[in-house]
Amino acid sequence: MILHSVFFYPLMYMFFGAVILIFFLLMHLWFRTIQLRMNPLKWILFAGWFLLLCLLVAGSATLYGENEKNAALFFLGFFGTIMLVLGIGLLRYLKTK
């Protein structure tokens, strides 16, 4: 298959890296727009939450790709709820001065 060639495989990861970079740049602009003061600790916590969100999507997509649809939905529902609670808590912490 052409998408699994030596040329396209690194391009896919460069594309993913560019998307993540654009995401963080847009989040920086959004934080400035709503006047959130971000220090390095807040950025580290936000990046950690984003990493966990990426792992949540990757894990559920992997389970779904392995024809484990029930496990994928359970994984997404259980850990997605935890990520939602953590995201709300993180947003409340980010709004503190």
PDB file of N, CA and C in Angstrom:
ATOM      1  N   MET A   1       0.844  -1.181   0.000  1.00  0.00           N
ATOM      2  CA  MET A   1       0.000   0.000   0.000  1.00  0.00           C
ATOM      3  C   MET A   1       0.887   1.241   0.000  1.00  0.00           C
ATOM      4  N   ILE A   2       0.478   2.243  -0.711  1.00  0.00           N
ATOM      5  CA  ILE A   2       1.311   3.432  -0.893  1.00  0.00           C
ATOM      6  C   ILE A   2       1.460   4.252   0.392  1.00  0.00           C
ATOM      7  N   LEU A   3       0.459   4.235   1.269  1.00  0.00           N
ATOM      8  CA  LEU A   3       0.547   5.028   2.493  1.00  0.00           C
ATOM      9  C   LEU A   3       1.517   4.441   3.507  1.00  0.00           C
ATOM     10  N   HIS A   4       1.916   3.188   3.319  1.00  0.00           N
ATOM     11  CA  HIS A   4       2.875   2.565   4.225  1.00  0.00           C
ATOM     12  C   HIS A   4       4.281   2.568   3.637  1.00  0.00           C
ATOM     13  N   SER A   5       4.550   3.488   2.737  1.00  0.00           N
ATOM     14  CA  SER A   5       5.864   3.552   2.124  1.00  0.00           C
ATOM     15  C   SER A   5       6.831   4.299   3.037  1.00  0.00           C
ATOM     16  N   VAL A   6       8.095   4.217   2.694  1.00  0.00           N
ATOM     17  CA  VAL A   6       9.144   4.887   3.469  1.00  0.00           C
ATOM     18  C   VAL A   6       8.995   6.398   3.386  1.00  0.00           C
ATOM     19  N   PHE A   7       8.409   6.895   2.315  1.00  0.00           N
ATOM     20  CA  PHE A   7       8.261   8.329   2.122  1.00  0.00           C
ATOM     21  C   PHE A   7       7.071   8.897   2.892  1.00  0.00           C
ATOM     22  N   PHE A   8       5.932   8.225   2.848  1.00  0.00           N
ATOM     23  CA  PHE A   8       4.715   8.778   3.432  1.00  0.00           C
ATOM     24  C   PHE A   8       4.618   8.591   4.946  1.00  0.00           C
ATOM     25  N   TYR A   9       5.269   7.571   5.486  1.00  0.00           N
ATOM     26  CA  TYR A   9       5.169   7.319   6.924  1.00  0.00           C
ATOM     27  C   TYR A   9       5.744   8.480   7.744  1.00  0.00           C
ATOM     28  N   PRO A  10       6.962   8.973   7.450  1.00  0.00           N
ATOM     29  CA  PRO A  10       7.463  10.141   8.193  1.00  0.00           C
ATOM     30  C   PRO A  10       6.626  11.394   7.960  1.00  0.00           C
ATOM     31  N   LEU A  11       6.066  11.546   6.770  1.00  0.00           N
ATOM     32  CA  LEU A  11       5.224  12.707   6.502  1.00  0.00           C
ATOM     33  C   LEU A  11       3.980  12.709   7.376  1.00  0.00           C
ATOM     34  N   MET A  12       3.444  11.525   7.646  1.00  0.00           N
ATOM     35  CA  MET A  12       2.269  11.436   8.508  1.00  0.00           C
ATOM     36  C   MET A  12       2.602  11.950   9.911  1.00  0.00           C
ATOM     37  N   TYR A  13       3.768  11.532  10.442  1.00  0.00           N
ATOM     38  CA  TYR A  13       4.138  11.980  11.783  1.00  0.00           C
ATOM     39  C   TYR A  13       4.511  13.456  11.807  1.00  0.00           C
ATOM     40  N   MET A  14       5.076  13.959  10.729  1.00  0.00           N
ATOM     41  CA  MET A  14       5.336  15.397  10.662  1.00  0.00           C
ATOM     42  C   MET A  14       4.026  16.171  10.619  1.00  0.00           C
ATOM     43  N   PHE A  15       3.028  15.640   9.927  1.00  0.00           N
ATOM     44  CA  PHE A  15       1.716  16.268   9.884  1.00  0.00           C
ATOM     45  C   PHE A  15       1.084  16.280  11.282  1.00  0.00           C
ATOM     46  N   PHE A  16       1.155  15.141  11.990  1.00  0.00           N
ATOM     47  CA  PHE A  16       0.615  15.094  13.346  1.00  0.00           C
ATOM     48  C   PHE A  16       1.315  16.088  14.258  1.00  0.00           C
ATOM     49  N   GLY A  17       2.625  16.195  14.146  1.00  0.00           N
ATOM     50  CA  GLY A  17       3.370  17.165  14.941  1.00  0.00           C
ATOM     51  C   GLY A  17       2.976  18.596  14.622  1.00  0.00           C
ATOM     52  N   ALA A  18       2.755  18.881  13.341  1.00  0.00           N
ATOM     53  CA  ALA A  18       2.331  20.223  12.946  1.00  0.00           C
ATOM     54  C   ALA A  18       0.941  20.536  13.482  1.00  0.00           C
ATOM     55  N   VAL A  19       0.051  19.549  13.476  1.00  0.00           N
ATOM     56  CA  VAL A  19      -1.299  19.763  14.011  1.00  0.00           C
ATOM     57  C   VAL A  19      -1.232  20.058  15.510  1.00  0.00           C
ATOM     58  N   ILE A  20      -0.394  19.327  16.236  1.00  0.00           N
ATOM     59  CA  ILE A  20      -0.262  19.565  17.676  1.00  0.00           C
ATOM     60  C   ILE A  20       0.356  20.940  17.931  1.00  0.00           C
ATOM     61  N   LEU A  21       1.338  21.329  17.141  1.00  0.00           N
ATOM     62  CA  LEU A  21       1.942  22.655  17.285  1.00  0.00           C
ATOM     63  C   LEU A  21       0.918  23.753  17.032  1.00  0.00           C
ATOM     64  N   ILE A  22       0.127  23.605  15.978  1.00  0.00           N
ATOM     65  CA  ILE A  22      -0.916  24.591  15.677  1.00  0.00           C
ATOM     66  C   ILE A  22      -1.949  24.633  16.796  1.00  0.00           C
ATOM     67  N   PHE A  23      -2.276  23.460  17.358  1.00  0.00           N
ATOM     68  CA  PHE A  23      -3.220  23.411  18.477  1.00  0.00           C
ATOM     69  C   PHE A  23      -2.710  24.227  19.654  1.00  0.00           C
ATOM     70  N   PHE A  24      -1.439  24.050  20.035  1.00  0.00           N
ATOM     71  CA  PHE A  24      -0.897  24.786  21.177  1.00  0.00           C
ATOM     72  C   PHE A  24      -0.774  26.277  20.873  1.00  0.00           C
ATOM     73  N   LEU A  25      -0.451  26.637  19.637  1.00  0.00           N
ATOM     74  CA  LEU A  25      -0.402  28.059  19.291  1.00  0.00           C
ATOM     75  C   LEU A  25      -1.792  28.693  19.369  1.00  0.00           C
ATOM     76  N   LEU A  26      -2.803  27.978  18.886  1.00  0.00           N
ATOM     77  CA  LEU A  26      -4.164  28.503  18.978  1.00  0.00           C
ATOM     78  C   LEU A  26      -4.645  28.568  20.423  1.00  0.00           C
ATOM     79  N   MET A  27      -4.255  27.594  21.240  1.00  0.00           N
ATOM     80  CA  MET A  27      -4.628  27.642  22.659  1.00  0.00           C
ATOM     81  C   MET A  27      -3.961  28.838  23.337  1.00  0.00           C
ATOM     82  N   HIS A  28      -2.709  29.134  22.961  1.00  0.00           N
ATOM     83  CA  HIS A  28      -2.020  30.300  23.516  1.00  0.00           C
ATOM     84  C   HIS A  28      -2.775  31.581  23.147  1.00  0.00           C
ATOM     85  N   LEU A  29      -3.197  31.683  21.898  1.00  0.00           N
ATOM     86  CA  LEU A  29      -3.964  32.862  21.482  1.00  0.00           C
ATOM     87  C   LEU A  29      -5.311  32.941  22.191  1.00  0.00           C
ATOM     88  N   TRP A  30      -5.961  31.797  22.359  1.00  0.00           N
ATOM     89  CA  TRP A  30      -7.257  31.786  23.041  1.00  0.00           C
ATOM     90  C   TRP A  30      -7.097  32.173  24.505  1.00  0.00           C
ATOM     91  N   PHE A  31      -6.046  31.672  25.157  1.00  0.00           N
ATOM     92  CA  PHE A  31      -5.799  32.035  26.556  1.00  0.00           C
ATOM     93  C   PHE A  31      -5.536  33.533  26.696  1.00  0.00           C
ATOM     94  N   ARG A  32      -4.830  34.110  25.725  1.00  0.00           N
ATOM     95  CA  ARG A  32      -4.596  35.558  25.763  1.00  0.00           C
ATOM     96  C   ARG A  32      -5.890  36.323  25.520  1.00  0.00           C
ATOM     97  N   THR A  33      -6.757  35.797  24.665  1.00  0.00           N
ATOM     98  CA  THR A  33      -8.018  36.472  24.362  1.00  0.00           C
ATOM     99  C   THR A  33      -8.933  36.523  25.578  1.00  0.00           C
ATOM    100  N   ILE A  34      -8.998  35.421  26.316  1.00  0.00           N
ATOM    101  CA  ILE A  34      -9.863  35.405  27.502  1.00  0.00           C
ATOM    102  C   ILE A  34      -9.098  35.835  28.750  1.00  0.00           C
ATOM    103  N   GLN A  35      -7.885  36.342  28.557  1.00  0.00           N
ATOM    104  CA  GLN A  35      -7.060  36.943  29.603  1.00  0.00           C
ATOM    105  C   GLN A  35      -6.743  35.972  30.738  1.00  0.00           C
ATOM    106  N   LEU A  36      -6.315  34.770  30.369  1.00  0.00           N
ATOM    107  CA  LEU A  36      -5.804  33.823  31.361  1.00  0.00           C
ATOM    108  C   LEU A  36      -4.314  34.049  31.520  1.00  0.00           C
ATOM    109  N   ARG A  37      -3.872  34.121  32.742  1.00  0.00           N
ATOM    110  CA  ARG A  37      -2.440  34.254  32.989  1.00  0.00           C
ATOM    111  C   ARG A  37      -1.855  32.855  33.128  1.00  0.00           C
ATOM    112  N   MET A  38      -1.008  32.500  32.185  1.00  0.00           N
ATOM    113  CA  MET A  38      -0.430  31.162  32.155  1.00  0.00           C
ATOM    114  C   MET A  38       1.026  31.228  32.586  1.00  0.00           C
ATOM    115  N   ASN A  39       1.356  30.529  33.667  1.00  0.00           N
ATOM    116  CA  ASN A  39       2.742  30.380  34.075  1.00  0.00           C
ATOM    117  C   ASN A  39       3.228  28.997  33.624  1.00  0.00           C
ATOM    118  N   PRO A  40       4.514  28.688  33.783  1.00  0.00           N
ATOM    119  CA  PRO A  40       5.013  27.394  33.306  1.00  0.00           C
ATOM    120  C   PRO A  40       4.307  26.185  33.940  1.00  0.00           C
ATOM    121  N   LEU A  41       3.930  26.262  35.201  1.00  0.00           N
ATOM    122  CA  LEU A  41       3.233  25.145  35.830  1.00  0.00           C
ATOM    123  C   LEU A  41       1.887  24.891  35.162  1.00  0.00           C
ATOM    124  N   LYS A  42       1.169  25.950  34.847  1.00  0.00           N
ATOM    125  CA  LYS A  42      -0.124  25.790  34.181  1.00  0.00           C
ATOM    126  C   LYS A  42       0.042  25.194  32.785  1.00  0.00           C
ATOM    127  N   TRP A  43       1.094  25.601  32.068  1.00  0.00           N
ATOM    128  CA  TRP A  43       1.340  25.035  30.746  1.00  0.00           C
ATOM    129  C   TRP A  43       1.691  23.560  30.848  1.00  0.00           C
ATOM    130  N   ILE A  44       2.469  23.190  31.853  1.00  0.00           N
ATOM    131  CA  ILE A  44       2.834  21.778  32.036  1.00  0.00           C
ATOM    132  C   ILE A  44       1.604  20.948  32.359  1.00  0.00           C
ATOM    133  N   LEU A  45       0.740  21.452  33.229  1.00  0.00           N
ATOM    134  CA  LEU A  45      -0.492  20.727  33.547  1.00  0.00           C
ATOM    135  C   LEU A  45      -1.398  20.606  32.329  1.00  0.00           C
ATOM    136  N   PHE A  46      -1.498  21.684  31.549  1.00  0.00           N
ATOM    137  CA  PHE A  46      -2.319  21.635  30.348  1.00  0.00           C
ATOM    138  C   PHE A  46      -1.743  20.651  29.335  1.00  0.00           C
ATOM    139  N   ALA A  47      -0.422  20.651  29.152  1.00  0.00           N
ATOM    140  CA  ALA A  47       0.205  19.719  28.215  1.00  0.00           C
ATOM    141  C   ALA A  47       0.022  18.270  28.686  1.00  0.00           C
ATOM    142  N   GLY A  48       0.095  18.042  29.995  1.00  0.00           N
ATOM    143  CA  GLY A  48      -0.143  16.701  30.523  1.00  0.00           C
ATOM    144  C   GLY A  48      -1.572  16.247  30.282  1.00  0.00           C
ATOM    145  N   TRP A  49      -2.521  17.146  30.477  1.00  0.00           N
ATOM    146  CA  TRP A  49      -3.921  16.796  30.216  1.00  0.00           C
ATOM    147  C   TRP A  49      -4.133  16.495  28.734  1.00  0.00           C
ATOM    148  N   PHE A  50      -3.504  17.289  27.870  1.00  0.00           N
ATOM    149  CA  PHE A  50      -3.616  17.068  26.433  1.00  0.00           C
ATOM    150  C   PHE A  50      -2.992  15.732  26.040  1.00  0.00           C
ATOM    151  N   LEU A  51      -1.860  15.379  26.661  1.00  0.00           N
ATOM    152  CA  LEU A  51      -1.226  14.090  26.387  1.00  0.00           C
ATOM    153  C   LEU A  51      -2.144  12.941  26.801  1.00  0.00           C
ATOM    154  N   LEU A  52      -2.776  13.059  27.964  1.00  0.00           N
ATOM    155  CA  LEU A  52      -3.717  12.033  28.395  1.00  0.00           C
ATOM    156  C   LEU A  52      -4.920  11.956  27.454  1.00  0.00           C
ATOM    157  N   LEU A  53      -5.360  13.088  26.939  1.00  0.00           N
ATOM    158  CA  LEU A  53      -6.462  13.090  25.978  1.00  0.00           C
ATOM    159  C   LEU A  53      -6.060  12.375  24.687  1.00  0.00           C
ATOM    160  N   CYS A  54      -4.837  12.609  24.226  1.00  0.00           N
ATOM    161  CA  CYS A  54      -4.344  11.913  23.034  1.00  0.00           C
ATOM    162  C   CYS A  54      -4.250  10.409  23.279  1.00  0.00           C
ATOM    163  N   LEU A  55      -3.786  10.012  24.461  1.00  0.00           N
ATOM    164  CA  LEU A  55      -3.715   8.589  24.792  1.00  0.00           C
ATOM    165  C   LEU A  55      -5.103   7.968  24.874  1.00  0.00           C
ATOM    166  N   LEU A  56      -6.072   8.725  25.349  1.00  0.00           N
ATOM    167  CA  LEU A  56      -7.450   8.237  25.413  1.00  0.00           C
ATOM    168  C   LEU A  56      -7.977   7.950  24.008  1.00  0.00           C
ATOM    169  N   VAL A  57      -7.763   8.881  23.096  1.00  0.00           N
ATOM    170  CA  VAL A  57      -8.233   8.693  21.724  1.00  0.00           C
ATOM    171  C   VAL A  57      -7.467   7.555  21.044  1.00  0.00           C
ATOM    172  N   ALA A  58      -6.151   7.502  21.243  1.00  0.00           N
ATOM    173  CA  ALA A  58      -5.349   6.449  20.616  1.00  0.00           C
ATOM    174  C   ALA A  58      -5.722   5.072  21.162  1.00  0.00           C
ATOM    175  N   GLY A  59      -5.925   4.978  22.464  1.00  0.00           N
ATOM    176  CA  GLY A  59      -6.284   3.694  23.065  1.00  0.00           C
ATOM    177  C   GLY A  59      -7.636   3.193  22.608  1.00  0.00           C
ATOM    178  N   SER A  60      -8.606   4.089  22.566  1.00  0.00           N
ATOM    179  CA  SER A  60      -9.932   3.662  22.123  1.00  0.00           C
ATOM    180  C   SER A  60      -9.939   3.340  20.626  1.00  0.00           C
ATOM    181  N   ALA A  61      -9.182   4.075  19.825  1.00  0.00           N
ATOM    182  CA  ALA A  61      -9.109   3.780  18.393  1.00  0.00           C
ATOM    183  C   ALA A  61      -8.394   2.452  18.149  1.00  0.00           C
ATOM    184  N   THR A  62      -7.387   2.153  18.947  1.00  0.00           N
ATOM    185  CA  THR A  62      -6.694   0.877  18.812  1.00  0.00           C
ATOM    186  C   THR A  62      -7.612  -0.281  19.164  1.00  0.00           C
ATOM    187  N   LEU A  63      -8.346  -0.138  20.254  1.00  0.00           N
ATOM    188  CA  LEU A  63      -9.292  -1.191  20.616  1.00  0.00           C
ATOM    189  C   LEU A  63     -10.364  -1.364  19.553  1.00  0.00           C
ATOM    190  N   TYR A  64     -10.847  -0.276  19.010  1.00  0.00           N
ATOM    191  CA  TYR A  64     -11.869  -0.350  17.970  1.00  0.00           C
ATOM    192  C   TYR A  64     -11.305  -1.004  16.705  1.00  0.00           C
ATOM    193  N   GLY A  65     -10.045  -0.698  16.390  1.00  0.00           N
ATOM    194  CA  GLY A  65      -9.397  -1.292  15.221  1.00  0.00           C
ATOM    195  C   GLY A  65      -9.134  -2.771  15.385  1.00  0.00           C
ATOM    196  N   GLU A  66      -9.020  -3.243  16.611  1.00  0.00           N
ATOM    197  CA  GLU A  66      -8.818  -4.666  16.893  1.00  0.00           C
ATOM    198  C   GLU A  66     -10.146  -5.404  17.018  1.00  0.00           C
ATOM    199  N   ASN A  67     -11.227  -4.797  16.582  1.00  0.00           N
ATOM    200  CA  ASN A  67     -12.584  -5.365  16.638  1.00  0.00           C
ATOM    201  C   ASN A  67     -13.041  -5.634  18.067  1.00  0.00           C
ATOM    202  N   GLU A  68     -12.597  -4.818  18.985  1.00  0.00           N
ATOM    203  CA  GLU A  68     -13.044  -4.870  20.379  1.00  0.00           C
ATOM    204  C   GLU A  68     -13.921  -3.652  20.635  1.00  0.00           C
ATOM    205  N   LYS A  69     -15.074  -3.616  19.994  1.00  0.00           N
ATOM    206  CA  LYS A  69     -15.930  -2.427  20.046  1.00  0.00           C
ATOM    207  C   LYS A  69     -16.467  -2.153  21.448  1.00  0.00           C
ATOM    208  N   ASN A  70     -16.851  -3.208  22.162  1.00  0.00           N
ATOM    209  CA  ASN A  70     -17.363  -3.006  23.522  1.00  0.00           C
ATOM    210  C   ASN A  70     -16.263  -2.483  24.452  1.00  0.00           C
ATOM    211  N   ALA A  71     -15.065  -3.039  24.314  1.00  0.00           N
ATOM    212  CA  ALA A  71     -13.949  -2.568  25.134  1.00  0.00           C
ATOM    213  C   ALA A  71     -13.591  -1.127  24.791  1.00  0.00           C
ATOM    214  N   ALA A  72     -13.661  -0.782  23.503  1.00  0.00           N
ATOM    215  CA  ALA A  72     -13.357   0.587  23.085  1.00  0.00           C
ATOM    216  C   ALA A  72     -14.366   1.565  23.659  1.00  0.00           C
ATOM    217  N   LEU A  73     -15.641   1.207  23.608  1.00  0.00           N
ATOM    218  CA  LEU A  73     -16.664   2.095  24.158  1.00  0.00           C
ATOM    219  C   LEU A  73     -16.551   2.205  25.675  1.00  0.00           C
ATOM    220  N   PHE A  74     -16.237   1.094  26.343  1.00  0.00           N
ATOM    221  CA  PHE A  74     -16.043   1.148  27.790  1.00  0.00           C
ATOM    222  C   PHE A  74     -14.838   2.014  28.138  1.00  0.00           C
ATOM    223  N   PHE A  75     -13.733   1.814  27.420  1.00  0.00           N
ATOM    224  CA  PHE A  75     -12.510   2.589  27.640  1.00  0.00           C
ATOM    225  C   PHE A  75     -12.778   4.076  27.430  1.00  0.00           C
ATOM    226  N   LEU A  76     -13.460   4.388  26.329  1.00  0.00           N
ATOM    227  CA  LEU A  76     -13.763   5.780  26.024  1.00  0.00           C
ATOM    228  C   LEU A  76     -14.725   6.374  27.044  1.00  0.00           C
ATOM    229  N   GLY A  77     -15.731   5.616  27.432  1.00  0.00           N
ATOM    230  CA  GLY A  77     -16.712   6.129  28.390  1.00  0.00           C
ATOM    231  C   GLY A  77     -16.135   6.301  29.787  1.00  0.00           C
ATOM    232  N   PHE A  78     -15.408   5.292  30.266  1.00  0.00           N
ATOM    233  CA  PHE A  78     -14.871   5.348  31.627  1.00  0.00           C
ATOM    234  C   PHE A  78     -13.780   6.405  31.750  1.00  0.00           C
ATOM    235  N   PHE A  79     -12.753   6.277  30.907  1.00  0.00           N
ATOM    236  CA  PHE A  79     -11.646   7.225  31.008  1.00  0.00           C
ATOM    237  C   PHE A  79     -12.022   8.593  30.433  1.00  0.00           C
ATOM    238  N   GLY A  80     -12.982   8.627  29.514  1.00  0.00           N
ATOM    239  CA  GLY A  80     -13.459   9.912  29.011  1.00  0.00           C
ATOM    240  C   GLY A  80     -14.148  10.719  30.093  1.00  0.00           C
ATOM    241  N   THR A  81     -14.898  10.020  30.956  1.00  0.00           N
ATOM    242  CA  THR A  81     -15.537  10.703  32.090  1.00  0.00           C
ATOM    243  C   THR A  81     -14.488  11.251  33.045  1.00  0.00           C
ATOM    244  N   ILE A  82     -13.464  10.452  33.298  1.00  0.00           N
ATOM    245  CA  ILE A  82     -12.370  10.908  34.169  1.00  0.00           C
ATOM    246  C   ILE A  82     -11.670  12.116  33.544  1.00  0.00           C
ATOM    247  N   MET A  83     -11.432  12.059  32.231  1.00  0.00           N
ATOM    248  CA  MET A  83     -10.775  13.187  31.559  1.00  0.00           C
ATOM    249  C   MET A  83     -11.649  14.436  31.569  1.00  0.00           C
ATOM    250  N   LEU A  84     -12.951  14.261  31.468  1.00  0.00           N
ATOM    251  CA  LEU A  84     -13.863  15.404  31.534  1.00  0.00           C
ATOM    252  C   LEU A  84     -13.790  16.071  32.900  1.00  0.00           C
ATOM    253  N   VAL A  85     -13.798  15.268  33.959  1.00  0.00           N
ATOM    254  CA  VAL A  85     -13.702  15.817  35.317  1.00  0.00           C
ATOM    255  C   VAL A  85     -12.355  16.505  35.517  1.00  0.00           C
ATOM    256  N   LEU A  86     -11.274  15.856  35.046  1.00  0.00           N
ATOM    257  CA  LEU A  86      -9.952  16.473  35.167  1.00  0.00           C
ATOM    258  C   LEU A  86      -9.861  17.759  34.352  1.00  0.00           C
ATOM    259  N   GLY A  87     -10.490  17.783  33.185  1.00  0.00           N
ATOM    260  CA  GLY A  87     -10.481  18.989  32.348  1.00  0.00           C
ATOM    261  C   GLY A  87     -11.224  20.140  32.987  1.00  0.00           C
ATOM    262  N   ILE A  88     -12.354  19.838  33.622  1.00  0.00           N
ATOM    263  CA  ILE A  88     -13.106  20.889  34.313  1.00  0.00           C
ATOM    264  C   ILE A  88     -12.305  21.424  35.494  1.00  0.00           C
ATOM    265  N   GLY A  89     -11.687  20.508  36.247  1.00  0.00           N
ATOM    266  CA  GLY A  89     -10.845  20.936  37.363  1.00  0.00           C
ATOM    267  C   GLY A  89      -9.653  21.749  36.892  1.00  0.00           C
ATOM    268  N   LEU A  90      -9.040  21.335  35.781  1.00  0.00           N
ATOM    269  CA  LEU A  90      -7.907  22.079  35.239  1.00  0.00           C
ATOM    270  C   LEU A  90      -8.335  23.463  34.773  1.00  0.00           C
ATOM    271  N   LEU A  91      -9.482  23.547  34.132  1.00  0.00           N
ATOM    272  CA  LEU A  91      -9.974  24.856  33.679  1.00  0.00           C
ATOM    273  C   LEU A  91     -10.242  25.779  34.866  1.00  0.00           C
ATOM    274  N   ARG A  92     -10.798  25.230  35.936  1.00  0.00           N
ATOM    275  CA  ARG A  92     -11.021  26.055  37.118  1.00  0.00           C
ATOM    276  C   ARG A  92      -9.697  26.522  37.726  1.00  0.00           C
ATOM    277  N   TYR A  93      -8.678  25.633  37.695  1.00  0.00           N
ATOM    278  CA  TYR A  93      -7.362  26.033  38.204  1.00  0.00           C
ATOM    279  C   TYR A  93      -6.715  27.069  37.284  1.00  0.00           C
ATOM    280  N   LEU A  94      -6.892  26.928  35.971  1.00  0.00           N
ATOM    281  CA  LEU A  94      -6.300  27.882  35.043  1.00  0.00           C
ATOM    282  C   LEU A  94      -6.890  29.271  35.185  1.00  0.00           C
ATOM    283  N   LYS A  95      -8.148  29.341  35.620  1.00  0.00           N
ATOM    284  CA  LYS A  95      -8.800  30.649  35.785  1.00  0.00           C
ATOM    285  C   LYS A  95      -8.362  31.373  37.044  1.00  0.00           C
ATOM    286  N   THR A  96      -7.672  30.679  37.966  1.00  0.00           N
ATOM    287  CA  THR A  96      -7.172  31.362  39.172  1.00  0.00           C
ATOM    288  C   THR A  96      -5.974  32.209  38.797  1.00  0.00           C
ATOM    289  N   LYS A  97      -5.772  33.250  39.540  1.00  0.00           N
ATOM    290  CA  LYS A  97      -4.656  34.168  39.240  1.00  0.00           C
ATOM    291  C   LYS A  97      -3.393  33.773  39.905  1.00  0.00           C
TER     292      LYS A  97
END
